[in-house]
Amino acid sequence: MMDMIEFENTLQERVQDLKLKLKDYDSLPASDILINEIDMFESILGRLIDLKYGAETRAIEVANANNDFKQANHLLYSCYMH
């Protein structure tokens, strides 16, 4: 997990550096290259966030499903006991 956070921070720093460089470029071709790099790094950051929070969301869904299952079992058991 620490490696992913480090990687994410490195990418964010790189994006900030590229955005600062972009302000200094007057050449359209050079600007396009920087914009493409920024877009690529931001896309990677978005995927990392999806992975990071997607795992948490799945864990919550599994816990909720497990809780629902336990409640259903309890109701079924209490119906058979009466």
PDB file of N, CA and C in Angstrom:
ATOM      1  N   MET A   1       0.829  -1.193   0.000  1.00  0.00           N
ATOM      2  CA  MET A   1       0.000   0.000   0.000  1.00  0.00           C
ATOM      3  C   MET A   1       0.878   1.264   0.000  1.00  0.00           C
ATOM      4  N   MET A   2       1.966   1.238   0.762  1.00  0.00           N
ATOM      5  CA  MET A   2       2.856   2.396   0.804  1.00  0.00           C
ATOM      6  C   MET A   2       3.479   2.670  -0.559  1.00  0.00           C
ATOM      7  N   ASP A   3       3.800   1.595  -1.281  1.00  0.00           N
ATOM      8  CA  ASP A   3       4.368   1.766  -2.621  1.00  0.00           C
ATOM      9  C   ASP A   3       3.385   2.472  -3.541  1.00  0.00           C
ATOM     10  N   MET A   4       2.106   2.122  -3.418  1.00  0.00           N
ATOM     11  CA  MET A   4       1.091   2.737  -4.268  1.00  0.00           C
ATOM     12  C   MET A   4       0.933   4.218  -3.905  1.00  0.00           C
ATOM     13  N   ILE A   5       0.977   4.534  -2.636  1.00  0.00           N
ATOM     14  CA  ILE A   5       0.856   5.930  -2.215  1.00  0.00           C
ATOM     15  C   ILE A   5       2.059   6.737  -2.699  1.00  0.00           C
ATOM     16  N   GLU A   6       3.246   6.144  -2.586  1.00  0.00           N
ATOM     17  CA  GLU A   6       4.456   6.797  -3.085  1.00  0.00           C
ATOM     18  C   GLU A   6       4.369   7.043  -4.589  1.00  0.00           C
ATOM     19  N   PHE A   7       3.910   6.025  -5.313  1.00  0.00           N
ATOM     20  CA  PHE A   7       3.759   6.133  -6.767  1.00  0.00           C
ATOM     21  C   PHE A   7       2.744   7.219  -7.118  1.00  0.00           C
ATOM     22  N   GLU A   8       1.646   7.234  -6.386  1.00  0.00           N
ATOM     23  CA  GLU A   8       0.608   8.241  -6.615  1.00  0.00           C
ATOM     24  C   GLU A   8       1.167   9.648  -6.373  1.00  0.00           C
ATOM     25  N   ASN A   9       1.916   9.828  -5.296  1.00  0.00           N
ATOM     26  CA  ASN A   9       2.519  11.138  -5.003  1.00  0.00           C
ATOM     27  C   ASN A   9       3.507  11.549  -6.087  1.00  0.00           C
ATOM     28  N   THR A  10       4.301  10.592  -6.568  1.00  0.00           N
ATOM     29  CA  THR A  10       5.257  10.872  -7.638  1.00  0.00           C
ATOM     30  C   THR A  10       4.535  11.328  -8.900  1.00  0.00           C
ATOM     31  N   LEU A  11       3.455  10.647  -9.238  1.00  0.00           N
ATOM     32  CA  LEU A  11       2.678  11.031 -10.424  1.00  0.00           C
ATOM     33  C   LEU A  11       2.067  12.419 -10.259  1.00  0.00           C
ATOM     34  N   GLN A  12       1.550  12.706  -9.074  1.00  0.00           N
ATOM     35  CA  GLN A  12       0.957  14.022  -8.834  1.00  0.00           C
ATOM     36  C   GLN A  12       2.006  15.130  -8.949  1.00  0.00           C
ATOM     37  N   GLU A  13       3.207  14.872  -8.427  1.00  0.00           N
ATOM     38  CA  GLU A  13       4.291  15.846  -8.557  1.00  0.00           C
ATOM     39  C   GLU A  13       4.658  16.050 -10.021  1.00  0.00           C
ATOM     40  N   ARG A  14       4.715  14.954 -10.766  1.00  0.00           N
ATOM     41  CA  ARG A  14       5.057  15.026 -12.190  1.00  0.00           C
ATOM     42  C   ARG A  14       4.013  15.848 -12.950  1.00  0.00           C
ATOM     43  N   VAL A  15       2.744  15.636 -12.648  1.00  0.00           N
ATOM     44  CA  VAL A  15       1.669  16.395 -13.302  1.00  0.00           C
ATOM     45  C   VAL A  15       1.827  17.887 -12.993  1.00  0.00           C
ATOM     46  N   GLN A  16       2.107  18.223 -11.741  1.00  0.00           N
ATOM     47  CA  GLN A  16       2.289  19.630 -11.367  1.00  0.00           C
ATOM     48  C   GLN A  16       3.477  20.245 -12.097  1.00  0.00           C
ATOM     49  N   ASP A  17       4.586  19.495 -12.182  1.00  0.00           N
ATOM     50  CA  ASP A  17       5.766  19.978 -12.911  1.00  0.00           C
ATOM     51  C   ASP A  17       5.443  20.238 -14.382  1.00  0.00           C
ATOM     52  N   LEU A  18       4.722  19.294 -14.987  1.00  0.00           N
ATOM     53  CA  LEU A  18       4.373  19.451 -16.404  1.00  0.00           C
ATOM     54  C   LEU A  18       3.439  20.632 -16.623  1.00  0.00           C
ATOM     55  N   LYS A  19       2.522  20.858 -15.693  1.00  0.00           N
ATOM     56  CA  LYS A  19       1.610  21.998 -15.824  1.00  0.00           C
ATOM     57  C   LYS A  19       2.368  23.313 -15.717  1.00  0.00           C
ATOM     58  N   LEU A  20       3.386  23.356 -14.852  1.00  0.00           N
ATOM     59  CA  LEU A  20       4.217  24.564 -14.752  1.00  0.00           C
ATOM     60  C   LEU A  20       5.011  24.788 -16.033  1.00  0.00           C
ATOM     61  N   LYS A  21       5.558  23.699 -16.593  1.00  0.00           N
ATOM     62  CA  LYS A  21       6.310  23.808 -17.844  1.00  0.00           C
ATOM     63  C   LYS A  21       5.413  24.259 -18.984  1.00  0.00           C
ATOM     64  N   LEU A  22       4.179  23.780 -18.969  1.00  0.00           N
ATOM     65  CA  LEU A  22       3.237  24.106 -20.037  1.00  0.00           C
ATOM     66  C   LEU A  22       3.011  25.613 -20.143  1.00  0.00           C
ATOM     67  N   LYS A  23       3.026  26.298 -19.011  1.00  0.00           N
ATOM     68  CA  LYS A  23       2.833  27.754 -19.013  1.00  0.00           C
ATOM     69  C   LYS A  23       3.970  28.475 -19.739  1.00  0.00           C
ATOM     70  N   ASP A  24       5.153  27.853 -19.758  1.00  0.00           N
ATOM     71  CA  ASP A  24       6.324  28.488 -20.372  1.00  0.00           C
ATOM     72  C   ASP A  24       6.457  28.219 -21.869  1.00  0.00           C
ATOM     73  N   TYR A  25       5.686  27.271 -22.394  1.00  0.00           N
ATOM     74  CA  TYR A  25       5.823  26.895 -23.803  1.00  0.00           C
ATOM     75  C   TYR A  25       4.929  27.742 -24.690  1.00  0.00           C
ATOM     76  N   ASP A  26       5.534  28.291 -25.727  1.00  0.00           N
ATOM     77  CA  ASP A  26       4.776  29.041 -26.728  1.00  0.00           C
ATOM     78  C   ASP A  26       4.502  28.187 -27.962  1.00  0.00           C
ATOM     79  N   SER A  27       5.282  27.139 -28.130  1.00  0.00           N
ATOM     80  CA  SER A  27       5.188  26.282 -29.307  1.00  0.00           C
ATOM     81  C   SER A  27       4.017  25.309 -29.159  1.00  0.00           C
ATOM     82  N   LEU A  28       3.156  25.300 -30.168  1.00  0.00           N
ATOM     83  CA  LEU A  28       1.993  24.417 -30.140  1.00  0.00           C
ATOM     84  C   LEU A  28       2.374  22.936 -30.111  1.00  0.00           C
ATOM     85  N   PRO A  29       3.317  22.476 -30.943  1.00  0.00           N
ATOM     86  CA  PRO A  29       3.678  21.058 -30.888  1.00  0.00           C
ATOM     87  C   PRO A  29       4.227  20.638 -29.515  1.00  0.00           C
ATOM     88  N   ALA A  30       5.060  21.483 -28.917  1.00  0.00           N
ATOM     89  CA  ALA A  30       5.604  21.161 -27.593  1.00  0.00           C
ATOM     90  C   ALA A  30       4.491  21.164 -26.548  1.00  0.00           C
ATOM     91  N   SER A  31       3.565  22.108 -26.663  1.00  0.00           N
ATOM     92  CA  SER A  31       2.432  22.162 -25.741  1.00  0.00           C
ATOM     93  C   SER A  31       1.568  20.918 -25.861  1.00  0.00           C
ATOM     94  N   ASP A  32       1.342  20.472 -27.084  1.00  0.00           N
ATOM     95  CA  ASP A  32       0.540  19.266 -27.302  1.00  0.00           C
ATOM     96  C   ASP A  32       1.174  18.040 -26.640  1.00  0.00           C
ATOM     97  N   ILE A  33       2.486  17.956 -26.742  1.00  0.00           N
ATOM     98  CA  ILE A  33       3.189  16.823 -26.126  1.00  0.00           C
ATOM     99  C   ILE A  33       3.012  16.867 -24.616  1.00  0.00           C
ATOM    100  N   LEU A  34       3.182  18.033 -24.016  1.00  0.00           N
ATOM    101  CA  LEU A  34       3.011  18.169 -22.570  1.00  0.00           C
ATOM    102  C   LEU A  34       1.570  17.874 -22.142  1.00  0.00           C
ATOM    103  N   ILE A  35       0.620  18.369 -22.916  1.00  0.00           N
ATOM    104  CA  ILE A  35      -0.797  18.118 -22.605  1.00  0.00           C
ATOM    105  C   ILE A  35      -1.090  16.617 -22.661  1.00  0.00           C
ATOM    106  N   ASN A  36      -0.541  15.931 -23.654  1.00  0.00           N
ATOM    107  CA  ASN A  36      -0.730  14.483 -23.749  1.00  0.00           C
ATOM    108  C   ASN A  36      -0.116  13.756 -22.549  1.00  0.00           C
ATOM    109  N   GLU A  37       1.066  14.202 -22.126  1.00  0.00           N
ATOM    110  CA  GLU A  37       1.698  13.589 -20.956  1.00  0.00           C
ATOM    111  C   GLU A  37       0.860  13.821 -19.703  1.00  0.00           C
ATOM    112  N   ILE A  38       0.385  15.056 -19.537  1.00  0.00           N
ATOM    113  CA  ILE A  38      -0.452  15.378 -18.384  1.00  0.00           C
ATOM    114  C   ILE A  38      -1.700  14.512 -18.381  1.00  0.00           C
ATOM    115  N   ASP A  39      -2.360  14.393 -19.529  1.00  0.00           N
ATOM    116  CA  ASP A  39      -3.560  13.562 -19.643  1.00  0.00           C
ATOM    117  C   ASP A  39      -3.271  12.108 -19.286  1.00  0.00           C
ATOM    118  N   MET A  40      -2.132  11.601 -19.749  1.00  0.00           N
ATOM    119  CA  MET A  40      -1.768  10.214 -19.476  1.00  0.00           C
ATOM    120  C   MET A  40      -1.566   9.998 -17.978  1.00  0.00           C
ATOM    121  N   PHE A  41      -0.792  10.897 -17.339  1.00  0.00           N
ATOM    122  CA  PHE A  41      -0.536  10.746 -15.907  1.00  0.00           C
ATOM    123  C   PHE A  41      -1.814  10.909 -15.086  1.00  0.00           C
ATOM    124  N   GLU A  42      -2.671  11.838 -15.489  1.00  0.00           N
ATOM    125  CA  GLU A  42      -3.938  12.013 -14.772  1.00  0.00           C
ATOM    126  C   GLU A  42      -4.843  10.797 -14.942  1.00  0.00           C
ATOM    127  N   SER A  43      -4.799  10.175 -16.099  1.00  0.00           N
ATOM    128  CA  SER A  43      -5.565   8.950 -16.326  1.00  0.00           C
ATOM    129  C   SER A  43      -5.058   7.829 -15.422  1.00  0.00           C
ATOM    130  N   ILE A  44      -3.746   7.705 -15.310  1.00  0.00           N
ATOM    131  CA  ILE A  44      -3.161   6.689 -14.434  1.00  0.00           C
ATOM    132  C   ILE A  44      -3.559   6.959 -12.986  1.00  0.00           C
ATOM    133  N   LEU A  45      -3.514   8.224 -12.580  1.00  0.00           N
ATOM    134  CA  LEU A  45      -3.930   8.577 -11.219  1.00  0.00           C
ATOM    135  C   LEU A  45      -5.391   8.201 -10.979  1.00  0.00           C
ATOM    136  N   GLY A  46      -6.222   8.433 -11.975  1.00  0.00           N
ATOM    137  CA  GLY A  46      -7.632   8.058 -11.855  1.00  0.00           C
ATOM    138  C   GLY A  46      -7.810   6.563 -11.679  1.00  0.00           C
ATOM    139  N   ARG A  47      -7.034   5.775 -12.412  1.00  0.00           N
ATOM    140  CA  ARG A  47      -7.100   4.312 -12.283  1.00  0.00           C
ATOM    141  C   ARG A  47      -6.624   3.864 -10.905  1.00  0.00           C
ATOM    142  N   LEU A  48      -5.583   4.517 -10.392  1.00  0.00           N
ATOM    143  CA  LEU A  48      -5.098   4.177  -9.049  1.00  0.00           C
ATOM    144  C   LEU A  48      -6.167   4.444  -7.997  1.00  0.00           C
ATOM    145  N   ILE A  49      -6.843   5.568  -8.149  1.00  0.00           N
ATOM    146  CA  ILE A  49      -7.910   5.907  -7.209  1.00  0.00           C
ATOM    147  C   ILE A  49      -9.035   4.885  -7.302  1.00  0.00           C
ATOM    148  N   ASP A  50      -9.378   4.488  -8.535  1.00  0.00           N
ATOM    149  CA  ASP A  50     -10.401   3.453  -8.718  1.00  0.00           C
ATOM    150  C   ASP A  50      -9.994   2.164  -8.015  1.00  0.00           C
ATOM    151  N   LEU A  51      -8.737   1.779  -8.162  1.00  0.00           N
ATOM    152  CA  LEU A  51      -8.254   0.563  -7.514  1.00  0.00           C
ATOM    153  C   LEU A  51      -8.288   0.698  -6.004  1.00  0.00           C
ATOM    154  N   LYS A  52      -7.829   1.832  -5.513  1.00  0.00           N
ATOM    155  CA  LYS A  52      -7.743   2.038  -4.064  1.00  0.00           C
ATOM    156  C   LYS A  52      -9.130   2.031  -3.431  1.00  0.00           C
ATOM    157  N   TYR A  53     -10.036   2.818  -3.983  1.00  0.00           N
ATOM    158  CA  TYR A  53     -11.359   2.925  -3.384  1.00  0.00           C
ATOM    159  C   TYR A  53     -12.301   1.823  -3.845  1.00  0.00           C
ATOM    160  N   GLY A  54     -12.025   1.233  -4.991  1.00  0.00           N
ATOM    161  CA  GLY A  54     -12.835   0.109  -5.458  1.00  0.00           C
ATOM    162  C   GLY A  54     -12.701  -1.084  -4.537  1.00  0.00           C
ATOM    163  N   ALA A  55     -11.499  -1.331  -4.033  1.00  0.00           N
ATOM    164  CA  ALA A  55     -11.269  -2.446  -3.103  1.00  0.00           C
ATOM    165  C   ALA A  55     -12.026  -2.208  -1.803  1.00  0.00           C
ATOM    166  N   GLU A  56     -12.021  -0.971  -1.330  1.00  0.00           N
ATOM    167  CA  GLU A  56     -12.752  -0.649  -0.102  1.00  0.00           C
ATOM    168  C   GLU A  56     -14.252  -0.828  -0.308  1.00  0.00           C
ATOM    169  N   THR A  57     -14.752  -0.390  -1.459  1.00  0.00           N
ATOM    170  CA  THR A  57     -16.178  -0.523  -1.758  1.00  0.00           C
ATOM    171  C   THR A  57     -16.581  -1.993  -1.813  1.00  0.00           C
ATOM    172  N   ARG A  58     -15.756  -2.822  -2.472  1.00  0.00           N
ATOM    173  CA  ARG A  58     -16.062  -4.255  -2.538  1.00  0.00           C
ATOM    174  C   ARG A  58     -16.058  -4.884  -1.150  1.00  0.00           C
ATOM    175  N   ALA A  59     -15.140  -4.473  -0.295  1.00  0.00           N
ATOM    176  CA  ALA A  59     -15.083  -5.013   1.066  1.00  0.00           C
ATOM    177  C   ALA A  59     -16.347  -4.653   1.834  1.00  0.00           C
ATOM    178  N   ILE A  60     -16.826  -3.430   1.658  1.00  0.00           N
ATOM    179  CA  ILE A  60     -18.060  -3.001   2.329  1.00  0.00           C
ATOM    180  C   ILE A  60     -19.249  -3.798   1.796  1.00  0.00           C
ATOM    181  N   GLU A  61     -19.310  -4.015   0.476  1.00  0.00           N
ATOM    182  CA  GLU A  61     -20.406  -4.779  -0.118  1.00  0.00           C
ATOM    183  C   GLU A  61     -20.415  -6.213   0.392  1.00  0.00           C
ATOM    184  N   VAL A  62     -19.241  -6.821   0.507  1.00  0.00           N
ATOM    185  CA  VAL A  62     -19.138  -8.192   1.020  1.00  0.00           C
ATOM    186  C   VAL A  62     -19.598  -8.242   2.470  1.00  0.00           C
ATOM    187  N   ALA A  63     -19.181  -7.271   3.277  1.00  0.00           N
ATOM    188  CA  ALA A  63     -19.590  -7.231   4.684  1.00  0.00           C
ATOM    189  C   ALA A  63     -21.106  -7.073   4.801  1.00  0.00           C
ATOM    190  N   ASN A  64     -21.684  -6.203   3.972  1.00  0.00           N
ATOM    191  CA  ASN A  64     -23.134  -6.010   3.992  1.00  0.00           C
ATOM    192  C   ASN A  64     -23.869  -7.273   3.559  1.00  0.00           C
ATOM    193  N   ALA A  65     -23.371  -7.934   2.519  1.00  0.00           N
ATOM    194  CA  ALA A  65     -23.993  -9.179   2.062  1.00  0.00           C
ATOM    195  C   ALA A  65     -23.901 -10.248   3.139  1.00  0.00           C
ATOM    196  N   ASN A  66     -22.768 -10.332   3.823  1.00  0.00           N
ATOM    197  CA  ASN A  66     -22.597 -11.296   4.899  1.00  0.00           C
ATOM    198  C   ASN A  66     -23.582 -11.010   6.034  1.00  0.00           C
ATOM    199  N   ASN A  67     -23.756  -9.744   6.360  1.00  0.00           N
ATOM    200  CA  ASN A  67     -24.696  -9.357   7.402  1.00  0.00           C
ATOM    201  C   ASN A  67     -26.124  -9.720   6.994  1.00  0.00           C
ATOM    202  N   ASP A  68     -26.499  -9.447   5.742  1.00  0.00           N
ATOM    203  CA  ASP A  68     -27.833  -9.804   5.243  1.00  0.00           C
ATOM    204  C   ASP A  68     -28.046 -11.313   5.319  1.00  0.00           C
ATOM    205  N   PHE A  69     -27.015 -12.076   4.959  1.00  0.00           N
ATOM    206  CA  PHE A  69     -27.099 -13.536   4.997  1.00  0.00           C
ATOM    207  C   PHE A  69     -27.333 -14.017   6.425  1.00  0.00           C
ATOM    208  N   LYS A  70     -26.613 -13.456   7.376  1.00  0.00           N
ATOM    209  CA  LYS A  70     -26.764 -13.851   8.786  1.00  0.00           C
ATOM    210  C   LYS A  70     -28.168 -13.530   9.289  1.00  0.00           C
ATOM    211  N   GLN A  71     -28.693 -12.365   8.897  1.00  0.00           N
ATOM    212  CA  GLN A  71     -30.043 -11.994   9.316  1.00  0.00           C
ATOM    213  C   GLN A  71     -31.075 -12.941   8.713  1.00  0.00           C
ATOM    214  N   ALA A  72     -30.909 -13.289   7.444  1.00  0.00           N
ATOM    215  CA  ALA A  72     -31.840 -14.215   6.799  1.00  0.00           C
ATOM    216  C   ALA A  72     -31.782 -15.583   7.461  1.00  0.00           C
ATOM    217  N   ASN A  73     -30.597 -16.055   7.766  1.00  0.00           N
ATOM    218  CA  ASN A  73     -30.454 -17.339   8.447  1.00  0.00           C
ATOM    219  C   ASN A  73     -31.123 -17.311   9.812  1.00  0.00           C
ATOM    220  N   HIS A  74     -30.939 -16.222  10.522  1.00  0.00           N
ATOM    221  CA  HIS A  74     -31.551 -16.093  11.845  1.00  0.00           C
ATOM    222  C   HIS A  74     -33.077 -16.131  11.734  1.00  0.00           C
ATOM    223  N   LEU A  75     -33.636 -15.429  10.742  1.00  0.00           N
ATOM    224  CA  LEU A  75     -35.085 -15.433  10.547  1.00  0.00           C
ATOM    225  C   LEU A  75     -35.591 -16.828  10.177  1.00  0.00           C
ATOM    226  N   LEU A  76     -34.876 -17.498   9.280  1.00  0.00           N
ATOM    227  CA  LEU A  76     -35.271 -18.851   8.895  1.00  0.00           C
ATOM    228  C   LEU A  76     -35.207 -19.792  10.085  1.00  0.00           C
ATOM    229  N   TYR A  77     -34.180 -19.700  10.861  1.00  0.00           N
ATOM    230  CA  TYR A  77     -34.009 -20.570  12.028  1.00  0.00           C
ATOM    231  C   TYR A  77     -35.119 -20.330  13.041  1.00  0.00           C
ATOM    232  N   SER A  78     -35.464 -19.052  13.266  1.00  0.00           N
ATOM    233  CA  SER A  78     -36.512 -18.738  14.243  1.00  0.00           C
ATOM    234  C   SER A  78     -37.873 -19.210  13.722  1.00  0.00           C
ATOM    235  N   CYS A  79     -38.109 -19.203  12.401  1.00  0.00           N
ATOM    236  CA  CYS A  79     -39.373 -19.688  11.841  1.00  0.00           C
ATOM    237  C   CYS A  79     -39.493 -21.193  12.040  1.00  0.00           C
ATOM    238  N   TYR A  80     -38.425 -21.930  11.888  1.00  0.00           N
ATOM    239  CA  TYR A  80     -38.451 -23.389  12.058  1.00  0.00           C
ATOM    240  C   TYR A  80     -38.586 -23.782  13.518  1.00  0.00           C
ATOM    241  N   MET A  81     -38.161 -22.946  14.409  1.00  0.00           N
ATOM    242  CA  MET A  81     -38.200 -23.278  15.828  1.00  0.00           C
ATOM    243  C   MET A  81     -39.595 -23.082  16.419  1.00  0.00           C
ATOM    244  N   HIS A  82     -40.441 -22.327  15.753  1.00  0.00           N
ATOM    245  CA  HIS A  82     -41.792 -22.076  16.296  1.00  0.00           C
ATOM    246  C   HIS A  82     -42.757 -23.012  15.752  1.00  0.00           C
TER     247      HIS A  82
END
